[in-house]
Amino acid sequence: MGDLWGTLDIVVGMPLLNVGPGGALVQSTVPLTPQSVHHVAVSCQGEQTPTSVQVRHVRPVVGSDGRQYYLIGLEFLFMPSTLLSQIESWMIGGQRVAAGLM
């Protein structure tokens, strides 16, 4: 048959460490390429909101368990109103974020 071209979607959960209307800081076991664009779903209380992000910075760190992971700064390229409302709620309420990016 030969070579066949295609795409592969991979879902990787990334804990959300910090978030604001402009972007987010996530933790990942997978380094992402700076300036790359990704389609993600922000999950909060069982609901997922799709959006697009661009990787602005990646920093390797070592966890308390000795494993290496990455802190990744993301810029939101598209801000759905449902996501903006949730972020504003977190900021006003001063709640710890129990959400994740996929």
N, C-alpha and C. Protein backbone atom coordinates (compact mmCIF):
# COMPACT_ATOMS: atom_id res chain seq x y z
N MET A 1 0.80 -1.19 0.00
CA MET A 1 0.00 0.00 0.00
C MET A 1 0.85 1.26 0.00
N GLY A 2 1.94 1.27 0.73
CA GLY A 2 2.76 2.47 0.81
C GLY A 2 2.42 3.30 2.04
N ASP A 3 2.98 4.51 2.09
CA ASP A 3 2.74 5.42 3.21
C ASP A 3 1.36 6.05 3.08
N LEU A 4 0.66 6.13 4.20
CA LEU A 4 -0.63 6.80 4.25
C LEU A 4 -0.52 7.97 5.22
N TRP A 5 -0.99 9.14 4.83
CA TRP A 5 -0.95 10.32 5.69
C TRP A 5 -2.24 10.42 6.47
N GLY A 6 -2.13 10.90 7.67
CA GLY A 6 -3.31 11.07 8.50
C GLY A 6 -3.00 11.94 9.71
N THR A 7 -3.97 12.05 10.58
CA THR A 7 -3.78 12.80 11.81
C THR A 7 -4.12 11.90 12.99
N LEU A 8 -3.58 12.26 14.12
CA LEU A 8 -3.82 11.51 15.34
C LEU A 8 -4.13 12.50 16.45
N ASP A 9 -5.26 12.33 17.08
CA ASP A 9 -5.62 13.16 18.23
C ASP A 9 -5.24 12.42 19.50
N ILE A 10 -4.54 13.13 20.38
CA ILE A 10 -4.11 12.55 21.65
C ILE A 10 -4.69 13.40 22.77
N VAL A 11 -5.25 12.75 23.76
CA VAL A 11 -5.79 13.46 24.92
C VAL A 11 -4.85 13.25 26.09
N VAL A 12 -4.36 14.36 26.64
CA VAL A 12 -3.47 14.33 27.79
C VAL A 12 -4.06 15.27 28.83
N GLY A 13 -4.36 14.76 30.00
CA GLY A 13 -4.86 15.61 31.08
C GLY A 13 -3.73 16.45 31.66
N MET A 14 -4.00 17.73 31.87
CA MET A 14 -3.00 18.64 32.43
C MET A 14 -3.65 19.45 33.55
N PRO A 15 -3.21 19.25 34.79
CA PRO A 15 -3.78 20.03 35.88
C PRO A 15 -3.58 21.53 35.66
N LEU A 16 -4.62 22.29 35.92
CA LEU A 16 -4.61 23.74 35.78
C LEU A 16 -4.12 24.34 37.08
N LEU A 17 -2.96 25.03 37.04
CA LEU A 17 -2.36 25.59 38.25
C LEU A 17 -2.77 27.03 38.49
N ASN A 18 -2.98 27.77 37.41
CA ASN A 18 -3.34 29.18 37.50
C ASN A 18 -4.07 29.54 36.22
N VAL A 19 -5.04 30.45 36.32
CA VAL A 19 -5.80 30.81 35.13
C VAL A 19 -6.30 32.25 35.26
N GLY A 20 -6.38 32.92 34.13
CA GLY A 20 -6.94 34.26 34.04
C GLY A 20 -7.56 34.41 32.67
N PRO A 21 -8.18 35.54 32.39
CA PRO A 21 -8.84 35.72 31.10
C PRO A 21 -7.89 35.61 29.90
N GLY A 22 -6.60 35.87 30.11
CA GLY A 22 -5.66 35.83 28.99
C GLY A 22 -4.99 34.50 28.77
N GLY A 23 -4.94 33.66 29.80
CA GLY A 23 -4.23 32.41 29.63
C GLY A 23 -4.22 31.57 30.89
N ALA A 24 -3.38 30.53 30.85
CA ALA A 24 -3.34 29.58 31.95
C ALA A 24 -1.94 29.02 32.10
N LEU A 25 -1.66 28.53 33.31
CA LEU A 25 -0.44 27.80 33.60
C LEU A 25 -0.86 26.38 33.93
N VAL A 26 -0.31 25.41 33.19
CA VAL A 26 -0.66 24.01 33.41
C VAL A 26 0.60 23.21 33.72
N GLN A 27 0.38 22.04 34.30
CA GLN A 27 1.47 21.09 34.59
C GLN A 27 1.30 19.92 33.65
N SER A 28 2.39 19.46 33.08
CA SER A 28 2.31 18.36 32.12
C SER A 28 3.53 17.45 32.23
N THR A 29 3.32 16.18 31.91
CA THR A 29 4.45 15.26 31.81
C THR A 29 5.02 15.28 30.40
N VAL A 30 4.33 15.98 29.51
CA VAL A 30 4.73 16.07 28.10
C VAL A 30 5.10 17.51 27.79
N PRO A 31 6.34 17.77 27.29
CA PRO A 31 6.68 19.15 26.92
C PRO A 31 5.98 19.51 25.61
N LEU A 32 5.45 20.71 25.54
CA LEU A 32 4.86 21.20 24.30
C LEU A 32 5.82 22.18 23.66
N THR A 33 5.77 22.30 22.36
CA THR A 33 6.67 23.19 21.63
C THR A 33 6.23 24.64 21.77
N PRO A 34 7.13 25.53 22.21
CA PRO A 34 6.76 26.95 22.30
C PRO A 34 6.24 27.47 20.95
N GLN A 35 5.24 28.32 21.02
CA GLN A 35 4.55 28.94 19.89
C GLN A 35 3.59 27.99 19.16
N SER A 36 3.55 26.70 19.55
CA SER A 36 2.62 25.78 18.90
C SER A 36 1.19 26.09 19.34
N VAL A 37 0.22 25.76 18.48
CA VAL A 37 -1.20 26.00 18.75
C VAL A 37 -1.88 24.66 18.96
N HIS A 38 -2.75 24.60 19.99
CA HIS A 38 -3.44 23.36 20.33
C HIS A 38 -4.92 23.64 20.57
N HIS A 39 -5.73 22.66 20.23
CA HIS A 39 -7.16 22.72 20.52
C HIS A 39 -7.36 21.94 21.81
N VAL A 40 -7.96 22.58 22.81
CA VAL A 40 -8.10 21.98 24.12
C VAL A 40 -9.56 22.06 24.58
N ALA A 41 -9.84 21.31 25.62
CA ALA A 41 -11.13 21.42 26.29
C ALA A 41 -10.85 21.66 27.77
N VAL A 42 -11.37 22.76 28.28
CA VAL A 42 -11.23 23.05 29.71
C VAL A 42 -12.40 22.38 30.41
N SER A 43 -12.08 21.57 31.40
CA SER A 43 -13.09 20.80 32.10
C SER A 43 -13.32 21.39 33.49
N CYS A 44 -14.58 21.66 33.79
CA CYS A 44 -14.93 22.18 35.11
C CYS A 44 -16.29 21.63 35.52
N GLN A 45 -16.33 20.97 36.65
CA GLN A 45 -17.55 20.42 37.20
C GLN A 45 -18.29 19.55 36.17
N GLY A 46 -17.52 18.75 35.44
CA GLY A 46 -18.10 17.80 34.49
C GLY A 46 -18.43 18.36 33.13
N GLU A 47 -18.28 19.66 32.92
CA GLU A 47 -18.56 20.26 31.62
C GLU A 47 -17.26 20.65 30.95
N GLN A 48 -17.19 20.39 29.64
CA GLN A 48 -15.99 20.72 28.89
C GLN A 48 -16.28 21.84 27.90
N THR A 49 -15.39 22.84 27.90
CA THR A 49 -15.51 23.97 26.99
C THR A 49 -14.32 23.96 26.05
N PRO A 50 -14.56 23.78 24.74
CA PRO A 50 -13.45 23.77 23.79
C PRO A 50 -12.94 25.19 23.50
N THR A 51 -11.63 25.28 23.29
CA THR A 51 -11.00 26.54 22.92
C THR A 51 -9.65 26.23 22.27
N SER A 52 -8.96 27.25 21.82
CA SER A 52 -7.63 27.10 21.24
C SER A 52 -6.64 27.89 22.08
N VAL A 53 -5.43 27.34 22.22
CA VAL A 53 -4.37 27.99 23.00
C VAL A 53 -3.07 27.97 22.21
N GLN A 54 -2.20 28.92 22.54
CA GLN A 54 -0.85 28.93 21.99
C GLN A 54 0.14 28.83 23.14
N VAL A 55 1.12 27.97 23.00
CA VAL A 55 2.14 27.77 24.03
C VAL A 55 3.08 28.97 24.02
N ARG A 56 3.21 29.63 25.17
CA ARG A 56 4.08 30.80 25.28
C ARG A 56 5.40 30.49 25.96
N HIS A 57 5.40 29.57 26.91
CA HIS A 57 6.67 29.17 27.54
C HIS A 57 6.53 27.78 28.14
N VAL A 58 7.68 27.09 28.23
CA VAL A 58 7.74 25.75 28.81
C VAL A 58 8.96 25.71 29.72
N ARG A 59 8.75 25.26 30.97
CA ARG A 59 9.86 25.22 31.92
C ARG A 59 9.89 23.85 32.59
N PRO A 60 11.00 23.11 32.46
CA PRO A 60 11.10 21.82 33.16
C PRO A 60 11.31 22.04 34.65
N VAL A 61 10.66 21.21 35.46
CA VAL A 61 10.82 21.24 36.91
C VAL A 61 10.82 19.81 37.42
N VAL A 62 11.38 19.62 38.61
CA VAL A 62 11.40 18.31 39.24
C VAL A 62 10.45 18.35 40.44
N GLY A 63 9.53 17.40 40.48
CA GLY A 63 8.55 17.34 41.56
C GLY A 63 9.15 16.78 42.84
N SER A 64 8.38 16.86 43.90
CA SER A 64 8.85 16.35 45.20
C SER A 64 9.07 14.85 45.18
N ASP A 65 8.45 14.16 44.21
CA ASP A 65 8.64 12.72 44.07
C ASP A 65 9.83 12.37 43.19
N GLY A 66 10.56 13.41 42.71
CA GLY A 66 11.74 13.19 41.88
C GLY A 66 11.45 13.07 40.39
N ARG A 67 10.18 13.06 40.03
CA ARG A 67 9.82 12.96 38.60
C ARG A 67 9.88 14.33 37.94
N GLN A 68 10.27 14.34 36.66
CA GLN A 68 10.33 15.59 35.92
C GLN A 68 8.98 15.85 35.26
N TYR A 69 8.57 17.09 35.32
CA TYR A 69 7.40 17.52 34.58
C TYR A 69 7.63 18.93 34.08
N TYR A 70 6.65 19.52 33.43
CA TYR A 70 6.82 20.81 32.77
C TYR A 70 5.72 21.77 33.21
N LEU A 71 6.10 23.01 33.45
CA LEU A 71 5.13 24.08 33.65
C LEU A 71 5.00 24.78 32.32
N ILE A 72 3.77 24.86 31.82
CA ILE A 72 3.53 25.37 30.47
C ILE A 72 2.58 26.56 30.54
N GLY A 73 3.03 27.69 30.02
CA GLY A 73 2.20 28.89 29.95
C GLY A 73 1.45 28.91 28.63
N LEU A 74 0.13 29.04 28.71
CA LEU A 74 -0.73 29.02 27.53
C LEU A 74 -1.47 30.35 27.39
N GLU A 75 -1.60 30.83 26.18
CA GLU A 75 -2.41 32.01 25.89
C GLU A 75 -3.69 31.55 25.20
N PHE A 76 -4.84 32.01 25.69
CA PHE A 76 -6.10 31.68 25.03
C PHE A 76 -6.19 32.45 23.71
N LEU A 77 -6.44 31.75 22.62
CA LEU A 77 -6.62 32.40 21.32
C LEU A 77 -8.09 32.68 21.04
N PHE A 78 -8.95 31.93 21.70
CA PHE A 78 -10.39 32.08 21.55
C PHE A 78 -10.99 31.91 22.94
N MET A 79 -11.86 32.84 23.34
CA MET A 79 -12.43 32.79 24.68
C MET A 79 -13.95 32.66 24.59
N PRO A 80 -14.46 31.42 24.68
CA PRO A 80 -15.91 31.24 24.71
C PRO A 80 -16.49 31.91 25.95
N SER A 81 -17.69 32.42 25.84
CA SER A 81 -18.32 33.13 26.96
C SER A 81 -18.48 32.23 28.18
N THR A 82 -18.73 30.93 27.97
CA THR A 82 -18.87 30.03 29.12
C THR A 82 -17.56 29.89 29.89
N LEU A 83 -16.45 29.86 29.17
CA LEU A 83 -15.14 29.76 29.83
C LEU A 83 -14.81 31.07 30.55
N LEU A 84 -15.08 32.19 29.91
CA LEU A 84 -14.82 33.48 30.55
C LEU A 84 -15.64 33.61 31.83
N SER A 85 -16.89 33.20 31.81
CA SER A 85 -17.74 33.25 33.01
C SER A 85 -17.17 32.40 34.12
N GLN A 86 -16.68 31.20 33.78
CA GLN A 86 -16.12 30.32 34.80
C GLN A 86 -14.84 30.91 35.39
N ILE A 87 -13.99 31.47 34.55
CA ILE A 87 -12.74 32.08 35.04
C ILE A 87 -13.05 33.26 35.94
N GLU A 88 -14.00 34.09 35.55
CA GLU A 88 -14.39 35.23 36.39
C GLU A 88 -14.94 34.76 37.74
N SER A 89 -15.71 33.68 37.71
CA SER A 89 -16.24 33.11 38.95
C SER A 89 -15.12 32.66 39.88
N TRP A 90 -14.12 31.99 39.32
CA TRP A 90 -12.97 31.54 40.11
C TRP A 90 -12.25 32.74 40.71
N MET A 91 -12.05 33.79 39.90
CA MET A 91 -11.29 34.96 40.35
C MET A 91 -12.04 35.73 41.43
N ILE A 92 -13.34 35.87 41.28
CA ILE A 92 -14.14 36.60 42.26
C ILE A 92 -14.24 35.80 43.56
N GLY A 93 -14.48 34.50 43.42
CA GLY A 93 -14.67 33.66 44.59
C GLY A 93 -13.39 33.30 45.30
N GLY A 94 -12.24 33.53 44.67
CA GLY A 94 -10.97 33.17 45.28
C GLY A 94 -10.85 31.68 45.51
N GLN A 95 -11.59 30.89 44.73
CA GLN A 95 -11.57 29.44 44.90
C GLN A 95 -10.30 28.86 44.32
N ARG A 96 -9.89 27.74 44.90
CA ARG A 96 -8.82 26.96 44.29
C ARG A 96 -9.42 26.29 43.07
N VAL A 97 -8.72 26.29 41.99
CA VAL A 97 -9.22 25.74 40.75
C VAL A 97 -9.13 24.22 40.77
N ALA A 98 -10.27 23.58 40.53
CA ALA A 98 -10.31 22.12 40.45
C ALA A 98 -10.71 21.75 39.05
N ALA A 99 -9.99 22.27 38.08
CA ALA A 99 -10.29 22.01 36.67
C ALA A 99 -9.06 21.47 36.01
N GLY A 100 -9.18 21.11 34.77
CA GLY A 100 -8.04 20.61 34.02
C GLY A 100 -8.19 20.91 32.55
N LEU A 101 -7.08 20.91 31.85
CA LEU A 101 -7.07 21.09 30.40
C LEU A 101 -6.81 19.75 29.77
N MET A 102 -7.45 19.50 28.67
CA MET A 102 -7.19 18.27 27.92
C MET A 102 -6.85 18.64 26.51
